[in-house]
Amino acid sequence: MKTFYNHLHAQHQGKVEMFRGALVPCFEVPARADHVLAELKRRQLGTAVNPQSFDDSALTSIHSPRYLNFLATAWDQWVALDAANADKDILPSVWPTRTFRTDIEPENFSAKVGLYSYDAGSPFTSGTWVAARAGAHCALSAAQALLDGDRASFALSRPPGHHAGADFFGGYCFLNNAAIAAQHLRDAGMKKVAVLDVDYHHGNGTQAIFYDRPDVFFASIHGDPRTEYPFYLGHADEKGQGAGLGANLNLPLPRGTNYATWAQALDTSLAAIDKFGAEALVVSLGMDTFEGDPISGFTLKSDDYLRVGERLARVGLPTVFIFEGGYAVEEVGINAVNVLEAFA
C-alpha cells in the first residue's frame, strides 16, 4: 500500500484554539502525522512517496473559487493590516448567522474570516494554505493510485479535511480531502463512489458537499450531535435531498459507546454501501474513537482497529484511506497503522 505523505504538513502549526470558552494549546499538532509515519516505517508497511502535483482546478470541483481565493490570500491580507500580525494566528470572532447575507464578501478582514468559517477552534497560520493544498494533492494522488490499479492507498496529511465545506473551514479542516478524492474518482469515470467517515466527529463538510447528489454515497458513524461537535449536523433523519435522497446515512452513537456497538454501526454502513453499488470506497480515517482521546467519547481500544481493518478489507472495494482526526498523539500511529496493516 502506497502512503502519500505531505512533507509540508508541519507548516500548519497553530498556537492556540478556542475550546469550551478558553484559549488552549492546539489539539491538532504536527506530531499526529509524525507518529503515523514513524509507525508505518517501524512495521515496514508499504512505501511512503511524495504526492503528484495537480492543477487547482481539481480543488474547484469541490470548493468555490471565492473561498479558495480567500485561503490563498488570507495570510497576506492579515499581515498587511499590521506587520505585528506575522506573529499571531488568525482566529475568527464574528459570523453571519440566520437572516444575514453571505453573497457579498465584506471588505473588513475580520468579517471576511467569519464569512468563511464556523468556529474559533481552527487557527489559520502562515503555512495553512501551503499545508492544506499539499494535503489535497496527497488525496488526489491516493485516488489516482486506485485508478492506476492499486487495491488501496493512504493519504497521510494534516490539517484534516472532513469538516470543511464547499466554502467554509472549521473543525481544524480547510480543504475537504475525502471529497476531493471521491470527486477525482468520479471524474475519471467511476459511476458511483462511497465515502465512509469513521471519525468520532460527524463529517459535516463532506455531507453538505454531496447531500443532493445520487452518485456519491456518504455514511458516517459518530458521536451524537445533540452533545458532540460539530453539533448542528449528523442526525439520523438526514438522508439526502433531491436527487441525493437516500444517499446519506448517519449513525450517531452516545458517549461511552464500545467497540461491539460501534462495529454493528460499521456493518450497517457497509451493507448500505454494498446496496448502493459503489465502485470504490473513500474512508475518512479518524482515530479519535480511541478510548484515550482527549476531546472525544467512544471507548475503542488499539486492538479493535485491527478488526476494523479486517472488516473493511472484506468489502472488496478499491479503497482510499484519508487521515482525519485522532488527538491521543502517542497512540495515534499505532491505531491508524493497525487499520491499514489489517486491511493489507
C-alpha atoms as a PDB file:
ATOM      1  CA  MET A   1       0.000   0.000   0.000  1.00  0.00           C
ATOM      2  CA  LYS A   2       1.414   3.375  -1.015  1.00  0.00           C
ATOM      3  CA  THR A   3       1.309   6.180   1.525  1.00  0.00           C
ATOM      4  CA  PHE A   4       1.234   9.650   0.013  1.00  0.00           C
ATOM      5  CA  TYR A   5       2.862  11.781   2.684  1.00  0.00           C
ATOM      6  CA  ASN A   6       2.562  15.538   2.987  1.00  0.00           C
ATOM      7  CA  HIS A   7       6.095  16.747   3.749  1.00  0.00           C
ATOM      8  CA  LEU A   8       4.738  20.284   4.158  1.00  0.00           C
ATOM      9  CA  HIS A   9       2.129  19.490   6.821  1.00  0.00           C
ATOM     10  CA  ALA A  10       4.142  20.992   9.683  1.00  0.00           C
ATOM     11  CA  GLN A  11       3.945  24.417   8.066  1.00  0.00           C
ATOM     12  CA  HIS A  12       0.461  24.489   9.566  1.00  0.00           C
ATOM     13  CA  GLN A  13       1.005  24.692  13.311  1.00  0.00           C
ATOM     14  CA  GLY A  14      -1.477  26.720  15.306  1.00  0.00           C
ATOM     15  CA  LYS A  15      -0.558  28.342  18.590  1.00  0.00           C
ATOM     16  CA  VAL A  16      -3.919  28.277  20.394  1.00  0.00           C
ATOM     17  CA  GLU A  17      -7.555  27.423  19.746  1.00  0.00           C
ATOM     18  CA  MET A  18     -10.806  28.331  21.453  1.00  0.00           C
ATOM     19  CA  PHE A  19     -12.103  25.255  23.290  1.00  0.00           C
ATOM     20  CA  ARG A  20     -15.116  25.385  25.609  1.00  0.00           C
ATOM     21  CA  GLY A  21     -14.721  29.108  26.185  1.00  0.00           C
ATOM     22  CA  ALA A  22     -10.970  29.185  26.809  1.00  0.00           C
ATOM     23  CA  LEU A  23      -7.858  29.634  24.669  1.00  0.00           C
ATOM     24  CA  VAL A  24      -5.886  26.389  24.953  1.00  0.00           C
ATOM     25  CA  PRO A  25      -2.912  24.828  23.134  1.00  0.00           C
ATOM     26  CA  CYS A  26      -3.995  23.208  19.878  1.00  0.00           C
ATOM     27  CA  PHE A  27      -5.010  19.551  19.945  1.00  0.00           C
ATOM     28  CA  GLU A  28      -4.307  19.231  16.207  1.00  0.00           C
ATOM     29  CA  VAL A  29      -0.483  19.181  16.075  1.00  0.00           C
ATOM     30  CA  PRO A  30       2.211  18.046  13.612  1.00  0.00           C
ATOM     31  CA  ALA A  31       3.235  15.159  15.870  1.00  0.00           C
ATOM     32  CA  ARG A  32      -0.003  13.398  14.915  1.00  0.00           C
ATOM     33  CA  ALA A  33       1.167  12.723  11.374  1.00  0.00           C
ATOM     34  CA  ASP A  34       4.760  12.169  12.501  1.00  0.00           C
ATOM     35  CA  HIS A  35       3.715   9.294  14.783  1.00  0.00           C
ATOM     36  CA  VAL A  36       1.750   7.625  11.987  1.00  0.00           C
ATOM     37  CA  LEU A  37       4.685   7.876   9.587  1.00  0.00           C
ATOM     38  CA  ALA A  38       7.089   6.512  12.202  1.00  0.00           C
ATOM     39  CA  GLU A  39       4.804   3.539  12.869  1.00  0.00           C
ATOM     40  CA  LEU A  40       4.458   2.805   9.153  1.00  0.00           C
ATOM     41  CA  LYS A  41       8.239   2.740   8.859  1.00  0.00           C
ATOM     42  CA  ARG A  42       8.651   0.621  12.003  1.00  0.00           C
ATOM     43  CA  ARG A  43       6.336  -2.061  10.611  1.00  0.00           C
ATOM     44  CA  GLN A  44       7.669  -1.652   7.069  1.00  0.00           C
ATOM     45  CA  LEU A  45       4.130  -1.320   5.775  1.00  0.00           C
ATOM     46  CA  GLY A  46       4.267  -0.256   2.142  1.00  0.00           C
ATOM     47  CA  THR A  47       6.181   2.765   0.910  1.00  0.00           C
ATOM     48  CA  ALA A  48       5.886   6.479   1.683  1.00  0.00           C
ATOM     49  CA  VAL A  49       6.024   8.543  -1.504  1.00  0.00           C
ATOM     50  CA  ASN A  50       5.617  12.162  -2.487  1.00  0.00           C
ATOM     51  CA  PRO A  51       2.268  13.184  -3.983  1.00  0.00           C
ATOM     52  CA  GLN A  52       1.892  14.183  -7.598  1.00  0.00           C
ATOM     53  CA  SER A  53       1.187  17.794  -8.466  1.00  0.00           C
ATOM     54  CA  PHE A  54      -2.296  18.660  -9.675  1.00  0.00           C
ATOM     55  CA  ASP A  55      -3.838  21.746 -11.168  1.00  0.00           C
ATOM     56  CA  ASP A  56      -6.004  23.748  -8.770  1.00  0.00           C
ATOM     57  CA  SER A  57      -8.986  23.017 -10.999  1.00  0.00           C
ATOM     58  CA  ALA A  58      -9.177  19.744  -9.059  1.00  0.00           C
ATOM     59  CA  LEU A  59      -9.998  21.826  -5.985  1.00  0.00           C
ATOM     60  CA  THR A  60     -12.690  23.911  -7.686  1.00  0.00           C
ATOM     61  CA  SER A  61     -14.643  20.730  -8.370  1.00  0.00           C
ATOM     62  CA  ILE A  62     -15.373  20.731  -4.612  1.00  0.00           C
ATOM     63  CA  HIS A  63     -14.661  24.227  -3.268  1.00  0.00           C
ATOM     64  CA  SER A  64     -15.925  27.593  -4.501  1.00  0.00           C
ATOM     65  CA  PRO A  65     -13.403  29.827  -6.306  1.00  0.00           C
ATOM     66  CA  ARG A  66     -14.179  32.681  -3.890  1.00  0.00           C
ATOM     67  CA  TYR A  67     -13.324  30.513  -0.906  1.00  0.00           C
ATOM     68  CA  LEU A  68     -10.139  29.163  -2.482  1.00  0.00           C
ATOM     69  CA  ASN A  69      -9.027  32.689  -3.253  1.00  0.00           C
ATOM     70  CA  PHE A  70      -9.565  33.601   0.389  1.00  0.00           C
ATOM     71  CA  LEU A  71      -7.472  30.651   1.592  1.00  0.00           C
ATOM     72  CA  ALA A  72      -4.669  31.538  -0.802  1.00  0.00           C
ATOM     73  CA  THR A  73      -4.542  35.217   0.170  1.00  0.00           C
ATOM     74  CA  ALA A  74      -5.735  35.336   3.798  1.00  0.00           C
ATOM     75  CA  TRP A  75      -2.312  35.364   5.428  1.00  0.00           C
ATOM     76  CA  ASP A  76      -1.005  38.173   3.221  1.00  0.00           C
ATOM     77  CA  GLN A  77      -4.151  40.181   3.945  1.00  0.00           C
ATOM     78  CA  TRP A  78      -3.686  39.578   7.673  1.00  0.00           C
ATOM     79  CA  VAL A  79      -0.071  40.730   7.748  1.00  0.00           C
ATOM     80  CA  ALA A  80      -0.862  43.722   5.531  1.00  0.00           C
ATOM     81  CA  LEU A  81      -3.189  45.002   8.264  1.00  0.00           C
ATOM     82  CA  ASP A  82      -0.330  45.119  10.783  1.00  0.00           C
ATOM     83  CA  ALA A  83       3.208  43.768  10.484  1.00  0.00           C
ATOM     84  CA  ALA A  84       2.945  42.504  14.077  1.00  0.00           C
ATOM     85  CA  ASN A  85       0.261  40.071  12.907  1.00  0.00           C
ATOM     86  CA  ALA A  86       3.038  37.912  11.462  1.00  0.00           C
ATOM     87  CA  ASP A  87       3.492  36.537  14.984  1.00  0.00           C
ATOM     88  CA  LYS A  88      -0.213  35.847  15.538  1.00  0.00           C
ATOM     89  CA  ASP A  89      -2.574  33.251  14.140  1.00  0.00           C
ATOM     90  CA  ILE A  90      -5.874  34.227  12.551  1.00  0.00           C
ATOM     91  CA  LEU A  91      -8.901  33.244  14.629  1.00  0.00           C
ATOM     92  CA  PRO A  92     -12.429  34.260  13.597  1.00  0.00           C
ATOM     93  CA  SER A  93     -14.527  36.237  16.051  1.00  0.00           C
ATOM     94  CA  VAL A  94     -17.737  37.122  14.202  1.00  0.00           C
ATOM     95  CA  TRP A  95     -20.008  35.063  11.941  1.00  0.00           C
ATOM     96  CA  PRO A  96     -23.079  35.562   9.758  1.00  0.00           C
ATOM     97  CA  THR A  97     -25.985  33.547  11.119  1.00  0.00           C
ATOM     98  CA  ARG A  98     -29.661  33.257  10.217  1.00  0.00           C
ATOM     99  CA  THR A  99     -31.044  36.259   8.240  1.00  0.00           C
ATOM    100  CA  PHE A 100     -27.528  37.605   7.482  1.00  0.00           C
ATOM    101  CA  ARG A 101     -26.318  37.838   3.897  1.00  0.00           C
ATOM    102  CA  THR A 102     -23.392  35.766   2.681  1.00  0.00           C
ATOM    103  CA  ASP A 103     -23.447  36.582  -1.021  1.00  0.00           C
ATOM    104  CA  ILE A 104     -21.409  39.790  -0.592  1.00  0.00           C
ATOM    105  CA  GLU A 105     -17.824  39.402   0.579  1.00  0.00           C
ATOM    106  CA  PRO A 106     -17.048  42.050   3.234  1.00  0.00           C
ATOM    107  CA  GLU A 107     -14.021  44.307   2.887  1.00  0.00           C
ATOM    108  CA  ASN A 108     -13.334  44.164   6.620  1.00  0.00           C
ATOM    109  CA  PHE A 109     -10.887  41.307   7.185  1.00  0.00           C
ATOM    110  CA  SER A 110     -12.406  40.037  10.440  1.00  0.00           C
ATOM    111  CA  ALA A 111     -15.813  39.881   8.794  1.00  0.00           C
ATOM    112  CA  LYS A 112     -14.276  38.115   5.805  1.00  0.00           C
ATOM    113  CA  VAL A 113     -12.715  35.455   8.051  1.00  0.00           C
ATOM    114  CA  GLY A 114     -16.081  34.919   9.719  1.00  0.00           C
ATOM    115  CA  LEU A 115     -17.803  34.545   6.368  1.00  0.00           C
ATOM    116  CA  TYR A 116     -15.592  31.560   5.538  1.00  0.00           C
ATOM    117  CA  SER A 117     -15.546  29.802   8.923  1.00  0.00           C
ATOM    118  CA  TYR A 118     -17.873  28.403  11.536  1.00  0.00           C
ATOM    119  CA  ASP A 119     -15.827  28.100  14.735  1.00  0.00           C
ATOM    120  CA  ALA A 120     -12.968  29.670  16.674  1.00  0.00           C
ATOM    121  CA  GLY A 121     -11.081  26.414  17.089  1.00  0.00           C
ATOM    122  CA  SER A 122      -9.280  26.410  13.746  1.00  0.00           C
ATOM    123  CA  PRO A 123      -6.345  28.833  13.738  1.00  0.00           C
ATOM    124  CA  PHE A 124      -5.170  29.982  10.327  1.00  0.00           C
ATOM    125  CA  THR A 125      -1.382  30.256  10.211  1.00  0.00           C
ATOM    126  CA  SER A 126       1.268  31.448   7.791  1.00  0.00           C
ATOM    127  CA  GLY A 127       1.577  27.932   6.355  1.00  0.00           C
ATOM    128  CA  THR A 128      -2.043  26.794   6.431  1.00  0.00           C
ATOM    129  CA  TRP A 129      -2.713  27.211   2.711  1.00  0.00           C
ATOM    130  CA  VAL A 130       0.569  25.549   1.712  1.00  0.00           C
ATOM    131  CA  ALA A 131      -0.060  22.578   4.012  1.00  0.00           C
ATOM    132  CA  ALA A 132      -3.732  22.181   3.092  1.00  0.00           C
ATOM    133  CA  ARG A 133      -3.077  22.432  -0.640  1.00  0.00           C
ATOM    134  CA  ALA A 134      -0.303  19.826  -0.443  1.00  0.00           C
ATOM    135  CA  GLY A 135      -2.685  17.623   1.532  1.00  0.00           C
ATOM    136  CA  ALA A 136      -5.251  17.844  -1.239  1.00  0.00           C
ATOM    137  CA  HIS A 137      -2.557  16.684  -3.658  1.00  0.00           C
ATOM    138  CA  CYS A 138      -1.949  13.682  -1.374  1.00  0.00           C
ATOM    139  CA  ALA A 139      -5.657  12.849  -1.547  1.00  0.00           C
ATOM    140  CA  LEU A 140      -5.711  13.230  -5.318  1.00  0.00           C
ATOM    141  CA  SER A 141      -2.580  11.080  -5.656  1.00  0.00           C
ATOM    142  CA  ALA A 142      -4.097   8.385  -3.455  1.00  0.00           C
ATOM    143  CA  ALA A 143      -7.241   8.361  -5.582  1.00  0.00           C
ATOM    144  CA  GLN A 144      -5.157   8.222  -8.740  1.00  0.00           C
ATOM    145  CA  ALA A 145      -3.309   5.196  -7.376  1.00  0.00           C
ATOM    146  CA  LEU A 146      -6.609   3.281  -7.375  1.00  0.00           C
ATOM    147  CA  LEU A 147      -7.262   4.352 -10.935  1.00  0.00           C
ATOM    148  CA  ASP A 148      -3.805   3.064 -11.818  1.00  0.00           C
ATOM    149  CA  GLY A 149      -4.661  -0.348 -10.404  1.00  0.00           C
ATOM    150  CA  ASP A 150      -3.710  -0.302  -6.726  1.00  0.00           C
ATOM    151  CA  ARG A 151      -6.058  -2.076  -4.302  1.00  0.00           C
ATOM    152  CA  ALA A 152      -5.614   0.555  -1.600  1.00  0.00           C
ATOM    153  CA  SER A 153      -3.731   3.745  -0.798  1.00  0.00           C
ATOM    154  CA  PHE A 154      -3.279   6.112   2.130  1.00  0.00           C
ATOM    155  CA  ALA A 155      -3.174   9.919   2.167  1.00  0.00           C
ATOM    156  CA  LEU A 156      -1.215  10.906   5.275  1.00  0.00           C
ATOM    157  CA  SER A 157      -1.597  14.623   5.749  1.00  0.00           C
ATOM    158  CA  ARG A 158      -2.773  17.338   8.053  1.00  0.00           C
ATOM    159  CA  PRO A 159      -4.641  19.579   8.606  1.00  0.00           C
ATOM    160  CA  PRO A 160      -7.544  17.126   8.290  1.00  0.00           C
ATOM    161  CA  GLY A 161     -10.434  17.826   5.942  1.00  0.00           C
ATOM    162  CA  HIS A 162     -13.850  16.322   6.596  1.00  0.00           C
ATOM    163  CA  HIS A 163     -15.323  19.354   8.397  1.00  0.00           C
ATOM    164  CA  ALA A 164     -14.502  21.726   5.510  1.00  0.00           C
ATOM    165  CA  GLY A 165     -17.437  22.577   3.271  1.00  0.00           C
ATOM    166  CA  ALA A 166     -17.571  23.967  -0.225  1.00  0.00           C
ATOM    167  CA  ASP A 167     -16.961  27.492   1.076  1.00  0.00           C
ATOM    168  CA  PHE A 168     -16.044  27.291   4.758  1.00  0.00           C
ATOM    169  CA  PHE A 169     -13.460  25.954   7.200  1.00  0.00           C
ATOM    170  CA  GLY A 170     -13.783  24.702  10.762  1.00  0.00           C
ATOM    171  CA  GLY A 171     -13.016  21.749  12.981  1.00  0.00           C
ATOM    172  CA  TYR A 172      -9.294  22.070  12.083  1.00  0.00           C
ATOM    173  CA  CYS A 173     -10.208  21.500   8.394  1.00  0.00           C
ATOM    174  CA  PHE A 174      -9.669  23.782   5.387  1.00  0.00           C
ATOM    175  CA  LEU A 175      -9.858  21.607   2.246  1.00  0.00           C
ATOM    176  CA  ASN A 176     -12.027  18.502   2.191  1.00  0.00           C
ATOM    177  CA  ASN A 177      -9.564  15.800   1.176  1.00  0.00           C
ATOM    178  CA  ALA A 178     -12.081  12.943   1.239  1.00  0.00           C
ATOM    179  CA  ALA A 179     -14.488  14.829  -1.013  1.00  0.00           C
ATOM    180  CA  ILE A 180     -11.664  15.816  -3.356  1.00  0.00           C
ATOM    181  CA  ALA A 181     -10.563  12.171  -3.633  1.00  0.00           C
ATOM    182  CA  ALA A 182     -14.116  10.956  -4.250  1.00  0.00           C
ATOM    183  CA  GLN A 183     -14.685  13.563  -6.937  1.00  0.00           C
ATOM    184  CA  HIS A 184     -11.425  12.614  -8.657  1.00  0.00           C
ATOM    185  CA  LEU A 185     -12.626   9.029  -8.878  1.00  0.00           C
ATOM    186  CA  ARG A 186     -15.943  10.202 -10.311  1.00  0.00           C
ATOM    187  CA  ASP A 187     -14.259  12.500 -12.835  1.00  0.00           C
ATOM    188  CA  ALA A 188     -12.152   9.553 -14.006  1.00  0.00           C
ATOM    189  CA  GLY A 189     -15.269   7.601 -14.896  1.00  0.00           C
ATOM    190  CA  MET A 190     -16.382   5.699 -11.830  1.00  0.00           C
ATOM    191  CA  LYS A 191     -20.167   5.933 -11.763  1.00  0.00           C
ATOM    192  CA  LYS A 192     -20.648   5.519  -8.018  1.00  0.00           C
ATOM    193  CA  VAL A 193     -18.296   6.184  -5.113  1.00  0.00           C
ATOM    194  CA  ALA A 194     -18.884   5.844  -1.377  1.00  0.00           C
ATOM    195  CA  VAL A 195     -17.346   7.879   1.442  1.00  0.00           C
ATOM    196  CA  LEU A 196     -17.297   6.212   4.864  1.00  0.00           C
ATOM    197  CA  ASP A 197     -16.462   8.544   7.747  1.00  0.00           C
ATOM    198  CA  VAL A 198     -15.353   6.757  10.931  1.00  0.00           C
ATOM    199  CA  ASP A 199     -14.085   9.836  12.763  1.00  0.00           C
ATOM    200  CA  TYR A 200     -15.685  10.478  16.169  1.00  0.00           C
ATOM    201  CA  HIS A 201     -16.960  13.818  14.869  1.00  0.00           C
ATOM    202  CA  HIS A 202     -19.523  13.914  12.068  1.00  0.00           C
ATOM    203  CA  GLY A 203     -18.135  14.796   8.649  1.00  0.00           C
ATOM    204  CA  ASN A 204     -20.451  17.752   8.200  1.00  0.00           C
ATOM    205  CA  GLY A 205     -18.466  19.216   5.329  1.00  0.00           C
ATOM    206  CA  THR A 206     -18.488  16.006   3.309  1.00  0.00           C
ATOM    207  CA  GLN A 207     -22.194  15.517   3.899  1.00  0.00           C
ATOM    208  CA  ALA A 208     -23.009  19.060   2.801  1.00  0.00           C
ATOM    209  CA  ILE A 209     -20.922  18.768  -0.366  1.00  0.00           C
ATOM    210  CA  PHE A 210     -22.656  15.600  -1.590  1.00  0.00           C
ATOM    211  CA  TYR A 211     -26.076  15.940   0.067  1.00  0.00           C
ATOM    212  CA  ASP A 212     -28.081  16.423  -3.129  1.00  0.00           C
ATOM    213  CA  ARG A 213     -26.061  14.043  -5.313  1.00  0.00           C
ATOM    214  CA  PRO A 214     -27.014  10.456  -6.169  1.00  0.00           C
ATOM    215  CA  ASP A 215     -23.534   9.411  -7.345  1.00  0.00           C
ATOM    216  CA  VAL A 216     -21.622   9.688  -4.039  1.00  0.00           C
ATOM    217  CA  PHE A 217     -22.937   7.829  -1.006  1.00  0.00           C
ATOM    218  CA  PHE A 218     -21.936   9.274   2.368  1.00  0.00           C
ATOM    219  CA  ALA A 219     -22.074   7.213   5.567  1.00  0.00           C
ATOM    220  CA  SER A 220     -20.889   8.449   8.961  1.00  0.00           C
ATOM    221  CA  ILE A 221     -20.558   6.802  12.384  1.00  0.00           C
ATOM    222  CA  HIS A 222     -20.065   9.489  15.005  1.00  0.00           C
ATOM    223  CA  GLY A 223     -20.916  10.984  18.370  1.00  0.00           C
ATOM    224  CA  ASP A 224     -24.499  12.142  18.772  1.00  0.00           C
ATOM    225  CA  PRO A 225     -24.691  15.774  17.546  1.00  0.00           C
ATOM    226  CA  ARG A 226     -27.050  16.653  20.376  1.00  0.00           C
ATOM    227  CA  THR A 227     -24.000  16.552  22.647  1.00  0.00           C
ATOM    228  CA  GLU A 228     -20.940  16.256  20.376  1.00  0.00           C
ATOM    229  CA  TYR A 229     -19.147  18.600  17.954  1.00  0.00           C
ATOM    230  CA  PRO A 230     -19.985  19.802  15.300  1.00  0.00           C
ATOM    231  CA  PHE A 231     -23.450  19.735  16.956  1.00  0.00           C
ATOM    232  CA  TYR A 232     -25.659  21.070  14.165  1.00  0.00           C
ATOM    233  CA  LEU A 233     -25.487  18.222  11.640  1.00  0.00           C
ATOM    234  CA  GLY A 234     -25.272  14.450  11.703  1.00  0.00           C
ATOM    235  CA  HIS A 235     -28.730  13.396  12.886  1.00  0.00           C
ATOM    236  CA  ALA A 236     -30.169  10.080  11.737  1.00  0.00           C
ATOM    237  CA  ASP A 237     -33.027  11.718   9.819  1.00  0.00           C
ATOM    238  CA  GLU A 238     -30.629  13.408   7.376  1.00  0.00           C
ATOM    239  CA  LYS A 239     -30.921  11.111   4.351  1.00  0.00           C
ATOM    240  CA  GLY A 240     -30.043  13.428   1.452  1.00  0.00           C
ATOM    241  CA  GLN A 241     -32.244  15.686  -0.599  1.00  0.00           C
ATOM    242  CA  GLY A 242     -33.455  15.979  -4.177  1.00  0.00           C
ATOM    243  CA  ALA A 243     -31.597  13.574  -6.421  1.00  0.00           C
ATOM    244  CA  GLY A 244     -29.436  12.628  -3.430  1.00  0.00           C
ATOM    245  CA  LEU A 245     -32.299  11.392  -1.264  1.00  0.00           C
ATOM    246  CA  GLY A 246     -31.281   8.028   0.141  1.00  0.00           C
ATOM    247  CA  ALA A 247     -27.562   8.532  -0.498  1.00  0.00           C
ATOM    248  CA  ASN A 248     -26.769   9.817   3.008  1.00  0.00           C
ATOM    249  CA  LEU A 249     -26.609   7.666   6.143  1.00  0.00           C
ATOM    250  CA  ASN A 250     -25.859   8.973   9.627  1.00  0.00           C
ATOM    251  CA  LEU A 251     -25.396   6.627  12.565  1.00  0.00           C
ATOM    252  CA  PRO A 252     -24.975   8.803  15.670  1.00  0.00           C
ATOM    253  CA  LEU A 253     -23.968   6.988  18.862  1.00  0.00           C
ATOM    254  CA  PRO A 254     -23.844   8.099  22.517  1.00  0.00           C
ATOM    255  CA  ARG A 255     -20.713   8.867  24.502  1.00  0.00           C
ATOM    256  CA  GLY A 256     -19.219   5.757  26.003  1.00  0.00           C
ATOM    257  CA  THR A 257     -20.024   3.536  23.012  1.00  0.00           C
ATOM    258  CA  ASN A 258     -17.779   0.457  22.957  1.00  0.00           C
ATOM    259  CA  TYR A 259     -16.413  -1.482  20.018  1.00  0.00           C
ATOM    260  CA  ALA A 260     -19.177  -4.101  19.923  1.00  0.00           C
ATOM    261  CA  THR A 261     -21.874  -1.462  19.443  1.00  0.00           C
ATOM    262  CA  TRP A 262     -19.703   0.622  17.124  1.00  0.00           C
ATOM    263  CA  ALA A 263     -18.970  -2.441  14.968  1.00  0.00           C
ATOM    264  CA  GLN A 264     -22.705  -3.016  14.481  1.00  0.00           C
ATOM    265  CA  ALA A 265     -22.939   0.503  13.059  1.00  0.00           C
ATOM    266  CA  LEU A 266     -19.976  -0.256  10.809  1.00  0.00           C
ATOM    267  CA  ASP A 267     -21.749  -3.348   9.463  1.00  0.00           C
ATOM    268  CA  THR A 268     -24.884  -1.274   8.834  1.00  0.00           C
ATOM    269  CA  SER A 269     -22.836   1.311   6.929  1.00  0.00           C
ATOM    270  CA  LEU A 270     -21.054  -1.267   4.808  1.00  0.00           C
ATOM    271  CA  ALA A 271     -24.301  -3.065   3.959  1.00  0.00           C
ATOM    272  CA  ALA A 272     -25.743   0.246   2.745  1.00  0.00           C
ATOM    273  CA  ILE A 273     -22.619   0.937   0.685  1.00  0.00           C
ATOM    274  CA  ASP A 274     -22.877  -2.518  -0.884  1.00  0.00           C
ATOM    275  CA  LYS A 275     -26.550  -1.938  -1.732  1.00  0.00           C
ATOM    276  CA  PHE A 276     -25.629   1.433  -3.273  1.00  0.00           C
ATOM    277  CA  GLY A 277     -23.278  -0.323  -5.693  1.00  0.00           C
ATOM    278  CA  ALA A 278     -20.146   1.731  -5.096  1.00  0.00           C
ATOM    279  CA  GLU A 279     -17.157   1.026  -7.326  1.00  0.00           C
ATOM    280  CA  ALA A 280     -14.656   2.463  -4.831  1.00  0.00           C
ATOM    281  CA  LEU A 281     -14.537   3.448  -1.180  1.00  0.00           C
ATOM    282  CA  VAL A 282     -13.015   6.546   0.416  1.00  0.00           C
ATOM    283  CA  VAL A 283     -12.513   6.175   4.174  1.00  0.00           C
ATOM    284  CA  SER A 284     -12.222   9.284   6.328  1.00  0.00           C
ATOM    285  CA  LEU A 285      -9.927   7.598   8.828  1.00  0.00           C
ATOM    286  CA  GLY A 286     -10.397   9.442  12.090  1.00  0.00           C
ATOM    287  CA  MET A 287      -8.734   7.772  15.068  1.00  0.00           C
ATOM    288  CA  ASP A 288     -10.469   9.830  17.761  1.00  0.00           C
ATOM    289  CA  THR A 289     -12.825   6.936  18.538  1.00  0.00           C
ATOM    290  CA  PHE A 290      -9.975   5.684  20.737  1.00  0.00           C
ATOM    291  CA  GLU A 291     -10.689   5.385  24.472  1.00  0.00           C
ATOM    292  CA  GLY A 292      -7.838   7.748  25.366  1.00  0.00           C
ATOM    293  CA  ASP A 293      -8.727  10.587  23.015  1.00  0.00           C
ATOM    294  CA  PRO A 294      -8.819  13.891  24.954  1.00  0.00           C
ATOM    295  CA  ILE A 295     -11.722  15.503  23.069  1.00  0.00           C
ATOM    296  CA  SER A 296     -13.913  12.517  22.192  1.00  0.00           C
ATOM    297  CA  GLY A 297     -16.065   9.941  23.931  1.00  0.00           C
ATOM    298  CA  PHE A 298     -16.010   6.416  22.446  1.00  0.00           C
ATOM    299  CA  THR A 299     -14.054   3.569  24.032  1.00  0.00           C
ATOM    300  CA  LEU A 300     -12.380   1.663  21.201  1.00  0.00           C
ATOM    301  CA  LYS A 301      -9.055   0.052  22.106  1.00  0.00           C
ATOM    302  CA  SER A 302      -5.951  -0.244  19.952  1.00  0.00           C
ATOM    303  CA  ASP A 303      -6.590  -3.903  19.102  1.00  0.00           C
ATOM    304  CA  ASP A 304     -10.094  -3.031  17.912  1.00  0.00           C
ATOM    305  CA  TYR A 305      -8.613  -1.158  14.970  1.00  0.00           C
ATOM    306  CA  LEU A 306      -7.174  -4.417  13.663  1.00  0.00           C
ATOM    307  CA  ARG A 307     -10.740  -5.729  13.417  1.00  0.00           C
ATOM    308  CA  VAL A 308     -11.823  -2.510  11.696  1.00  0.00           C
ATOM    309  CA  GLY A 309      -9.182  -3.021   9.025  1.00  0.00           C
ATOM    310  CA  GLU A 310     -10.150  -6.658   8.549  1.00  0.00           C
ATOM    311  CA  ARG A 311     -13.826  -5.743   8.170  1.00  0.00           C
ATOM    312  CA  LEU A 312     -13.089  -3.022   5.620  1.00  0.00           C
ATOM    313  CA  ALA A 313     -10.951  -5.429   3.616  1.00  0.00           C
ATOM    314  CA  ARG A 314     -13.843  -7.887   3.331  1.00  0.00           C
ATOM    315  CA  VAL A 315     -15.845  -5.271   1.434  1.00  0.00           C
ATOM    316  CA  GLY A 316     -13.590  -5.968  -1.529  1.00  0.00           C
ATOM    317  CA  LEU A 317     -13.598  -2.433  -2.943  1.00  0.00           C
ATOM    318  CA  PRO A 318     -10.601  -0.369  -4.040  1.00  0.00           C
ATOM    319  CA  THR A 319     -10.108   1.856  -1.018  1.00  0.00           C
ATOM    320  CA  VAL A 320      -8.539   5.246  -0.339  1.00  0.00           C
ATOM    321  CA  PHE A 321      -7.768   5.978   3.308  1.00  0.00           C
ATOM    322  CA  ILE A 322      -7.656   9.676   4.236  1.00  0.00           C
ATOM    323  CA  PHE A 323      -6.121  10.606   7.608  1.00  0.00           C
ATOM    324  CA  GLU A 324      -8.504  12.751   9.644  1.00  0.00           C
ATOM    325  CA  GLY A 325      -8.727  13.238  13.431  1.00  0.00           C
ATOM    326  CA  GLY A 326      -7.197  11.472  16.406  1.00  0.00           C
ATOM    327  CA  TYR A 327      -5.723  13.509  19.260  1.00  0.00           C
ATOM    328  CA  ALA A 328      -4.267  10.911  21.623  1.00  0.00           C
ATOM    329  CA  VAL A 329      -0.958  11.735  19.986  1.00  0.00           C
ATOM    330  CA  GLU A 330       1.201   8.967  21.440  1.00  0.00           C
ATOM    331  CA  GLU A 331      -1.222   6.246  20.315  1.00  0.00           C
ATOM    332  CA  VAL A 332      -2.492   7.639  17.026  1.00  0.00           C
ATOM    333  CA  GLY A 333       0.247   5.986  14.974  1.00  0.00           C
ATOM    334  CA  ILE A 334      -0.375   2.527  16.429  1.00  0.00           C
ATOM    335  CA  ASN A 335      -4.128   2.832  15.970  1.00  0.00           C
ATOM    336  CA  ALA A 336      -4.032   4.127  12.384  1.00  0.00           C
ATOM    337  CA  VAL A 337      -1.467   1.588  11.238  1.00  0.00           C
ATOM    338  CA  ASN A 338      -3.428  -1.209  12.905  1.00  0.00           C
ATOM    339  CA  VAL A 339      -6.286  -0.439  10.500  1.00  0.00           C
ATOM    340  CA  LEU A 340      -4.005  -0.280   7.487  1.00  0.00           C
ATOM    341  CA  GLU A 341      -1.982  -3.371   8.349  1.00  0.00           C
ATOM    342  CA  ALA A 342      -5.065  -5.486   8.979  1.00  0.00           C
ATOM    343  CA  PHE A 343      -6.618  -4.243   5.732  1.00  0.00           C
ATOM    344  CA  ALA A 344      -3.461  -5.084   3.796  1.00  0.00           C
END
